[in-house]
Amino acid sequence: MGVTIAIIIQILLFLLLPIWLMKLSRQLKINRFLSDIVLCYGIGMLLGNTKSLWLWSWLPGESAEALAGTIATTSQITAFTSVLLAIPLLLMLCDVTEWLQYTGKITKAFLLGVLAVLVVTITMGYLYEGSLEQVETTAGMMAGVYIGGTPNMVAISKALAADDQLFLLLNATDALCSGLYFLFLLSLGKPILGRLLPNFQSKQTSAQLIGESSQMPDLPFPPKQWQWTSIRPLLIATLLGLGAVALSAALASFFPDSKGEPNQTILMLTLTTLGIGLSFIPSIRLLKGVFNYAQYLLLIFGLAAGFLADFTELISMGSSYLVFNALVLIGIVGLHYLLAVLFRIDSDSFILSSTAATMGPPFVVQMASSIKNRELLPVAISLSILGLGLGNYIGIFVAWVLGL
């Protein structure tokens, strides 16, 4: 009985709390300096490390030890399921043909950032060989998250059969390092970085060429009014996403790994490919409200993943990974900036492309507002979503190179 009650409480918490936190964040203007995903992850960590006080201490007929395994399993399933569905939903919104037609410097800047990630993660992986456990997996996950985002870190960790604790460690260190870098860009980034980079030259005709398809849909989640017109796109996207997950899982099961389990590498790469493939259908790419719906799924993931974090183990094991993460991010940003100077990339394109790669779409919107450049916002969002697709391929490639 106690186990059933605990599972029900957990599921309701994971589904409803992100919505309340989003509303609270906007009412108190917390979202100006703290993103929703970071907030949910932090609240999840707090709830997970105090669950003995509020969850199972009063549940009848079950010991803490008996409930601990069930609580962890429910959190793992929730986190994995939500991010699996979010990946194709985000990728199906990316207009790849539109992105290829846009030849502005921000696209070149983004590609230079991808090159910087490849060089730095592989180099750091070789330098740390023998001094950091699972260094090839760690470097691959770092490559994925700094080209795409947290979903890539999850996908790559599963594809490489990484320990759950390694993901939690790297997710925590990434939140800290990326957060500090984001604060730098918001405050001193443009004045300092702009000293060696040219100013942005407005090209309104190029911005108009992009069109409105790259911009984030304006329908919030959950919808203010539950009408068929607002629910229908979400149902279509959900069915398409579930179909992509089912096909990917079937293919992964057809080619099992050495343990006889579904091949996680095939699962994630197939899911990524199907998501990008769906984006070539305009009617799917233009479904309203899907972006915010996918973001909600990522908030569920953040809450559930944070719930699994163990403060004591993070403190005892996280220092070496924090140093590695910090050096990787500093190296990526430094090399990216050097390449931007050599290729004469303007300051706005560099800042938005770096934000798109290292932090993702929600941060791009905040950054564009901060540097007062709305013209580059649509293509920056497209590039950040496209990074979600590239991240899985490149992260696995980095791990493969280091494993040779």
Protein backbone atom coordinates (compact mmCIF):
# COMPACT_ATOMS: atom_id res chain seq x y z
CA MET A 1 0.00 0.00 0.00
CA GLY A 2 2.79 2.38 0.94
CA VAL A 3 4.58 1.76 -2.36
CA THR A 4 1.46 2.55 -4.41
CA ILE A 5 0.82 5.77 -2.52
CA ALA A 6 4.45 6.84 -2.93
CA ILE A 7 4.34 6.24 -6.71
CA ILE A 8 1.07 8.19 -7.10
CA ILE A 9 2.46 11.12 -5.09
CA GLN A 10 5.65 11.12 -7.16
CA ILE A 11 3.90 11.06 -10.53
CA LEU A 12 1.48 13.83 -9.57
CA LEU A 13 4.40 15.87 -8.26
CA PHE A 14 6.39 15.46 -11.47
CA LEU A 15 3.40 16.37 -13.66
CA LEU A 16 1.96 19.32 -11.73
CA LEU A 17 4.85 20.97 -9.91
CA PRO A 18 6.63 22.23 -13.10
CA ILE A 19 3.46 24.11 -14.14
CA TRP A 20 3.19 25.78 -10.74
CA LEU A 21 6.91 26.62 -10.70
CA MET A 22 6.65 28.23 -14.17
CA LYS A 23 3.78 30.44 -13.00
CA LEU A 24 5.55 31.31 -9.76
CA SER A 25 8.77 32.11 -11.62
CA ARG A 26 6.98 34.63 -13.83
CA GLN A 27 4.99 36.20 -11.02
CA LEU A 28 8.12 36.74 -8.91
CA LYS A 29 10.26 37.48 -12.02
CA ILE A 30 12.66 34.68 -11.07
CA ASN A 31 12.91 33.75 -14.76
CA ARG A 32 14.94 36.91 -15.40
CA PHE A 33 18.01 35.36 -13.80
CA LEU A 34 17.13 31.67 -13.38
CA SER A 35 15.74 29.46 -16.15
CA ASP A 36 12.80 27.14 -15.53
CA ILE A 37 14.88 24.00 -16.15
CA VAL A 38 17.51 25.05 -13.60
CA LEU A 39 14.76 25.94 -11.10
CA CYS A 40 13.05 22.56 -11.54
CA TYR A 41 16.35 20.71 -11.26
CA GLY A 42 17.20 22.58 -8.05
CA ILE A 43 13.78 21.98 -6.52
CA GLY A 44 14.03 18.32 -7.55
CA MET A 45 17.38 17.98 -5.78
CA LEU A 46 15.94 19.62 -2.66
CA LEU A 47 12.88 17.36 -2.63
CA GLY A 48 14.93 14.25 -3.41
CA ASN A 49 17.36 14.84 -0.56
CA THR A 50 14.57 15.55 1.96
CA LYS A 51 12.13 12.83 0.85
CA SER A 52 12.63 10.91 4.10
CA LEU A 53 11.05 13.87 5.91
CA TRP A 54 7.98 14.44 3.75
CA LEU A 55 7.35 11.33 1.63
CA TRP A 56 7.87 7.99 3.30
CA SER A 57 8.21 8.82 6.99
CA TRP A 58 4.44 8.66 7.39
CA LEU A 59 3.60 5.98 4.83
CA PRO A 60 2.17 2.82 6.43
CA GLY A 61 3.67 -0.64 6.26
CA GLU A 62 6.87 0.10 4.37
CA SER A 63 10.42 0.74 5.52
CA ALA A 64 12.59 3.50 4.09
CA GLU A 65 14.85 0.91 2.48
CA ALA A 66 11.97 -0.83 0.75
CA LEU A 67 10.62 2.44 -0.63
CA ALA A 68 13.97 3.88 -1.71
CA GLY A 69 14.35 1.52 -4.67
CA THR A 70 10.80 2.15 -5.88
CA ILE A 71 11.21 5.93 -5.59
CA ALA A 72 14.47 5.85 -7.58
CA THR A 73 13.00 3.60 -10.29
CA THR A 74 9.94 5.82 -10.73
CA SER A 75 12.18 8.88 -11.02
CA GLN A 76 14.44 7.19 -13.60
CA ILE A 77 11.50 6.03 -15.74
CA THR A 78 9.86 9.46 -15.59
CA ALA A 79 13.06 11.30 -16.51
CA PHE A 80 13.94 8.93 -19.35
CA THR A 81 10.39 8.83 -20.80
CA SER A 82 9.90 12.59 -20.74
CA VAL A 83 13.20 13.34 -22.47
CA LEU A 84 12.67 10.57 -25.06
CA LEU A 85 9.42 12.24 -26.10
CA ALA A 86 10.88 15.76 -25.95
CA ILE A 87 13.73 14.98 -28.38
CA PRO A 88 11.60 14.38 -31.52
CA LEU A 89 9.19 17.17 -30.55
CA LEU A 90 12.01 19.71 -30.48
CA LEU A 91 13.71 18.41 -33.60
CA MET A 92 10.54 18.40 -35.71
CA LEU A 93 10.34 22.19 -35.24
CA CYS A 94 13.71 22.87 -36.89
CA ASP A 95 13.53 24.14 -40.48
CA VAL A 96 16.71 22.56 -41.85
CA THR A 97 16.21 23.82 -45.43
CA GLU A 98 15.65 27.35 -44.14
CA TRP A 99 18.77 27.14 -41.99
CA LEU A 100 20.86 25.96 -44.96
CA GLN A 101 19.65 28.91 -47.04
CA TYR A 102 20.70 31.44 -44.41
CA THR A 103 24.37 32.18 -45.03
CA GLY A 104 24.84 34.90 -42.42
CA LYS A 105 27.77 35.04 -40.05
CA ILE A 106 25.78 33.56 -37.17
CA THR A 107 25.61 30.24 -39.04
CA LYS A 108 29.35 30.36 -39.62
CA ALA A 109 29.82 31.29 -35.96
CA PHE A 110 27.75 28.31 -34.85
CA LEU A 111 29.76 25.92 -37.03
CA LEU A 112 32.98 27.35 -35.61
CA GLY A 113 31.55 26.66 -32.16
CA VAL A 114 30.90 23.03 -33.14
CA LEU A 115 34.51 22.77 -34.32
CA ALA A 116 35.71 24.22 -31.01
CA VAL A 117 33.68 21.65 -29.08
CA LEU A 118 35.16 18.80 -31.11
CA VAL A 119 38.75 19.96 -30.67
CA VAL A 120 38.53 20.79 -26.97
CA THR A 121 36.58 17.72 -25.78
CA ILE A 122 38.85 15.29 -27.66
CA THR A 123 41.98 17.09 -26.44
CA MET A 124 40.80 17.19 -22.82
CA GLY A 125 39.79 13.55 -23.05
CA TYR A 126 43.34 12.57 -24.01
CA LEU A 127 44.87 14.84 -21.36
CA TYR A 128 42.69 13.33 -18.61
CA GLU A 129 43.14 9.72 -19.75
CA GLY A 130 43.96 7.60 -16.71
CA SER A 131 43.18 10.36 -14.21
CA LEU A 132 39.39 10.53 -14.61
CA GLU A 133 37.04 7.56 -14.61
CA GLN A 134 34.95 7.03 -17.77
CA VAL A 135 36.78 9.93 -19.41
CA GLU A 136 35.66 9.04 -22.94
CA THR A 137 32.01 8.91 -21.84
CA THR A 138 32.42 12.14 -19.87
CA ALA A 139 33.98 13.95 -22.84
CA GLY A 140 31.25 12.64 -25.16
CA MET A 141 28.52 13.88 -22.82
CA MET A 142 30.26 17.26 -22.55
CA ALA A 143 30.45 17.50 -26.35
CA GLY A 144 26.74 16.72 -26.65
CA VAL A 145 25.60 19.22 -24.03
CA TYR A 146 27.76 22.06 -25.40
CA ILE A 147 26.47 21.60 -28.94
CA GLY A 148 22.87 20.78 -28.05
CA GLY A 149 21.67 20.67 -24.47
CA THR A 150 20.59 18.55 -21.52
CA PRO A 151 18.52 16.14 -23.69
CA ASN A 152 21.75 15.30 -25.56
CA MET A 153 23.55 14.58 -22.31
CA VAL A 154 20.76 12.16 -21.38
CA ALA A 155 20.72 10.54 -24.82
CA ILE A 156 24.49 10.11 -24.95
CA SER A 157 24.68 8.77 -21.39
CA LYS A 158 22.11 6.13 -22.31
CA ALA A 159 23.74 5.37 -25.66
CA LEU A 160 27.11 4.84 -23.96
CA ALA A 161 25.61 2.92 -21.02
CA ALA A 162 26.95 5.48 -18.51
CA ASP A 163 26.19 5.22 -14.81
CA ASP A 164 23.20 7.29 -13.68
CA GLN A 165 25.39 8.91 -11.03
CA LEU A 166 27.82 10.14 -13.70
CA PHE A 167 24.97 11.89 -15.48
CA LEU A 168 23.83 13.51 -12.24
CA LEU A 169 27.37 14.68 -11.49
CA LEU A 170 27.91 16.17 -14.93
CA ASN A 171 24.44 17.72 -15.04
CA ALA A 172 25.13 19.45 -11.71
CA THR A 173 28.57 20.71 -12.78
CA ASP A 174 27.20 21.85 -16.14
CA ALA A 175 24.40 23.81 -14.43
CA LEU A 176 27.00 25.67 -12.34
CA CYS A 177 29.53 26.32 -15.13
CA SER A 178 26.96 27.25 -17.78
CA GLY A 179 25.11 29.44 -15.29
CA LEU A 180 28.26 31.44 -14.52
CA TYR A 181 29.05 31.82 -18.23
CA PHE A 182 25.48 32.97 -18.95
CA LEU A 183 25.71 35.60 -16.20
CA PHE A 184 28.97 36.82 -17.73
CA LEU A 185 27.39 37.14 -21.17
CA LEU A 186 24.39 39.01 -19.74
CA SER A 187 26.51 41.47 -17.79
CA LEU A 188 30.00 42.06 -19.24
CA GLY A 189 29.96 39.83 -22.33
CA LYS A 190 29.22 42.33 -25.09
CA PRO A 191 31.50 45.16 -23.86
CA ILE A 192 34.46 42.78 -23.34
CA LEU A 193 33.99 40.43 -26.28
CA GLY A 194 33.14 43.30 -28.62
CA ARG A 195 36.62 44.83 -28.30
CA LEU A 196 38.12 42.40 -30.83
CA LEU A 197 34.97 41.63 -32.82
CA PRO A 198 33.21 43.91 -35.32
CA ASN A 199 29.77 45.34 -34.56
CA PHE A 200 26.67 43.66 -35.93
CA GLN A 201 25.45 45.11 -39.23
CA SER A 202 21.67 44.93 -39.56
CA LYS A 203 20.33 43.20 -42.69
CA GLN A 204 16.59 43.41 -42.46
CA THR A 205 16.07 41.71 -45.82
CA SER A 206 18.01 38.67 -44.58
CA ALA A 207 15.93 38.59 -41.45
CA GLN A 208 12.76 38.69 -43.50
CA LEU A 209 14.12 35.83 -45.63
CA ILE A 210 14.07 33.64 -42.54
CA GLY A 211 10.33 33.99 -42.11
CA GLU A 212 8.25 33.25 -39.05
CA SER A 213 8.58 29.47 -39.05
CA SER A 214 11.75 29.52 -36.96
CA GLN A 215 10.21 31.56 -34.19
CA MET A 216 8.87 29.90 -31.10
CA PRO A 217 5.12 29.28 -31.23
CA ASP A 218 3.13 31.78 -29.22
CA LEU A 219 0.80 29.30 -27.54
CA PRO A 220 1.71 28.67 -23.89
CA PHE A 221 1.64 25.35 -22.11
CA PRO A 222 -0.66 24.50 -20.46
CA PRO A 223 -3.15 26.32 -22.74
CA LYS A 224 -5.07 29.13 -21.08
CA GLN A 225 -8.26 27.60 -22.46
CA TRP A 226 -8.53 23.89 -23.15
CA GLN A 227 -10.11 24.15 -26.59
CA TRP A 228 -9.82 21.71 -29.47
CA THR A 229 -7.81 24.21 -31.54
CA SER A 230 -5.13 24.40 -28.83
CA ILE A 231 -5.16 20.69 -27.91
CA ARG A 232 -5.18 19.25 -31.44
CA PRO A 233 -1.59 20.28 -32.37
CA LEU A 234 -0.29 18.86 -29.08
CA LEU A 235 -2.11 15.56 -29.63
CA ILE A 236 -0.71 15.29 -33.18
CA ALA A 237 2.81 16.07 -31.97
CA THR A 238 2.48 13.59 -29.10
CA LEU A 239 1.34 10.80 -31.42
CA LEU A 240 4.17 11.55 -33.86
CA GLY A 241 6.68 11.66 -31.02
CA LEU A 242 5.43 8.41 -29.52
CA GLY A 243 5.55 6.83 -32.97
CA ALA A 244 9.17 7.91 -33.38
CA VAL A 245 10.00 6.53 -29.93
CA ALA A 246 8.24 3.23 -30.70
CA LEU A 247 10.04 2.78 -34.05
CA SER A 248 13.38 3.65 -32.48
CA ALA A 249 12.80 1.25 -29.59
CA ALA A 250 11.77 -1.53 -31.98
CA LEU A 251 14.92 -1.08 -34.06
CA ALA A 252 17.05 -0.94 -30.92
CA SER A 253 15.48 -4.20 -29.72
CA PHE A 254 16.03 -5.84 -33.08
CA PHE A 255 19.77 -5.13 -32.75
CA PRO A 256 20.44 -5.72 -29.03
CA ASP A 257 23.72 -4.85 -27.33
CA SER A 258 26.24 -7.29 -25.85
CA LYS A 259 24.04 -7.72 -22.76
CA GLY A 260 21.01 -8.69 -24.83
CA GLU A 261 19.25 -5.40 -24.01
CA PRO A 262 17.90 -2.82 -26.51
CA ASN A 263 20.83 -1.02 -28.10
CA GLN A 264 20.77 2.49 -26.64
CA THR A 265 23.06 3.90 -29.33
CA ILE A 266 20.70 2.78 -32.10
CA LEU A 267 17.72 4.02 -30.07
CA MET A 268 19.06 7.55 -29.69
CA LEU A 269 20.50 7.97 -33.17
CA THR A 270 17.32 6.62 -34.78
CA LEU A 271 15.16 8.88 -32.64
CA THR A 272 17.31 11.87 -33.60
CA THR A 273 17.12 10.99 -37.30
CA LEU A 274 13.34 10.51 -37.24
CA GLY A 275 12.87 13.82 -35.43
CA ILE A 276 14.91 15.68 -38.04
CA GLY A 277 13.08 13.81 -40.81
CA LEU A 278 9.69 14.98 -39.49
CA SER A 279 10.91 18.58 -39.67
CA PHE A 280 10.90 18.42 -43.48
CA ILE A 281 7.08 18.29 -43.44
CA PRO A 282 5.90 21.93 -43.15
CA SER A 283 2.53 21.09 -41.58
CA ILE A 284 4.32 19.27 -38.75
CA ARG A 285 7.04 21.89 -38.33
CA LEU A 286 4.42 24.65 -37.93
CA LEU A 287 2.31 22.95 -35.24
CA LYS A 288 1.51 25.64 -32.69
CA GLY A 289 2.42 25.28 -29.03
CA VAL A 290 4.68 22.25 -29.48
CA PHE A 291 7.86 24.07 -28.46
CA ASN A 292 6.44 25.09 -25.08
CA TYR A 293 4.95 21.62 -24.65
CA ALA A 294 8.39 20.08 -25.24
CA GLN A 295 9.89 22.53 -22.76
CA TYR A 296 7.32 21.34 -20.20
CA LEU A 297 8.48 17.76 -20.78
CA LEU A 298 12.06 18.90 -20.15
CA LEU A 299 10.93 20.51 -16.89
CA ILE A 300 9.48 17.16 -15.84
CA PHE A 301 12.81 15.61 -16.71
CA GLY A 302 14.68 18.23 -14.68
CA LEU A 303 12.50 17.66 -11.64
CA ALA A 304 12.79 13.87 -11.87
CA ALA A 305 16.54 13.92 -12.58
CA GLY A 306 17.16 16.29 -9.69
CA PHE A 307 15.14 13.98 -7.47
CA LEU A 308 17.79 11.30 -8.04
CA ALA A 309 20.72 13.49 -7.01
CA ASP A 310 22.49 12.59 -3.79
CA PHE A 311 24.11 15.63 -2.16
CA THR A 312 26.59 13.59 -0.13
CA GLU A 313 27.87 11.71 -3.18
CA LEU A 314 27.95 14.88 -5.30
CA ILE A 315 30.14 16.58 -2.69
CA SER A 316 32.49 13.62 -2.32
CA MET A 317 32.88 12.83 -6.04
CA GLY A 318 32.02 16.01 -7.90
CA SER A 319 35.16 18.13 -7.43
CA SER A 320 37.29 16.45 -10.12
CA TYR A 321 34.40 16.47 -12.60
CA LEU A 322 33.69 20.12 -11.80
CA VAL A 323 37.30 21.05 -12.65
CA PHE A 324 37.12 19.00 -15.87
CA ASN A 325 33.81 20.62 -16.84
CA ALA A 326 35.11 24.13 -16.11
CA LEU A 327 38.28 23.57 -18.17
CA VAL A 328 36.26 22.14 -21.06
CA LEU A 329 33.86 25.09 -21.12
CA ILE A 330 36.67 27.65 -20.82
CA GLY A 331 38.55 25.90 -23.64
CA ILE A 332 35.46 25.77 -25.88
CA VAL A 333 34.60 29.44 -25.35
CA GLY A 334 38.22 30.53 -25.71
CA LEU A 335 38.82 28.62 -28.96
CA HIS A 336 35.42 29.65 -30.32
CA TYR A 337 36.23 33.31 -29.61
CA LEU A 338 39.66 33.02 -31.23
CA LEU A 339 38.12 31.51 -34.36
CA ALA A 340 35.47 34.25 -34.37
CA VAL A 341 38.21 36.90 -34.30
CA LEU A 342 40.09 35.21 -37.15
CA PHE A 343 36.93 34.88 -39.30
CA ARG A 344 35.69 38.39 -38.42
CA ILE A 345 32.44 37.26 -36.83
CA ASP A 346 30.45 40.14 -35.34
CA SER A 347 29.93 40.28 -31.57
CA ASP A 348 26.16 39.65 -31.63
CA SER A 349 26.51 36.58 -33.86
CA PHE A 350 29.22 35.18 -31.61
CA ILE A 351 27.26 35.74 -28.39
CA LEU A 352 24.01 34.27 -29.75
CA SER A 353 25.72 31.32 -31.45
CA SER A 354 27.65 30.55 -28.26
CA THR A 355 24.45 30.79 -26.21
CA ALA A 356 22.59 28.60 -28.72
CA ALA A 357 25.23 25.88 -28.50
CA THR A 358 26.09 25.90 -24.81
CA MET A 359 22.67 26.63 -23.30
CA GLY A 360 19.77 26.15 -25.72
CA PRO A 361 16.65 27.94 -27.05
CA PRO A 362 15.21 29.45 -23.83
CA PHE A 363 18.52 31.16 -23.07
CA VAL A 364 18.79 32.41 -26.66
CA VAL A 365 15.57 34.36 -26.21
CA GLN A 366 16.82 35.97 -23.01
CA MET A 367 20.21 36.75 -24.56
CA ALA A 368 18.74 38.32 -27.71
CA SER A 369 16.63 40.56 -25.51
CA SER A 370 19.65 41.46 -23.38
CA ILE A 371 21.85 42.53 -26.34
CA LYS A 372 18.83 44.13 -28.06
CA ASN A 373 19.06 42.09 -31.25
CA ARG A 374 15.75 40.57 -32.32
CA GLU A 375 16.84 40.25 -35.95
CA LEU A 376 19.07 37.24 -35.29
CA LEU A 377 16.65 35.59 -32.85
CA PRO A 378 14.79 33.29 -35.31
CA VAL A 379 17.91 31.79 -36.88
CA ALA A 380 19.60 31.55 -33.46
CA ILE A 381 16.66 29.50 -32.19
CA SER A 382 16.81 27.31 -35.32
CA LEU A 383 20.52 26.72 -34.77
CA SER A 384 20.02 25.88 -31.10
CA ILE A 385 17.32 23.34 -31.95
CA LEU A 386 19.46 21.94 -34.76
CA GLY A 387 22.23 21.58 -32.19
CA LEU A 388 20.00 19.10 -30.38
CA GLY A 389 20.27 16.88 -33.44
CA LEU A 390 23.99 17.36 -34.04
CA GLY A 391 24.83 16.90 -30.36
CA ASN A 392 23.93 13.21 -30.26
CA TYR A 393 26.01 12.34 -33.32
CA ILE A 394 29.05 14.37 -32.28
CA GLY A 395 28.94 13.31 -28.63
CA ILE A 396 28.96 9.63 -29.56
CA PHE A 397 31.69 10.31 -32.15
CA VAL A 398 33.91 11.99 -29.51
CA ALA A 399 33.47 9.04 -27.14
CA TRP A 400 34.28 6.62 -29.99
CA VAL A 401 37.47 8.52 -30.92
CA LEU A 402 38.68 8.59 -27.31
CA GLY A 403 37.85 4.91 -26.91
CA LEU A 404 40.09 3.83 -29.78
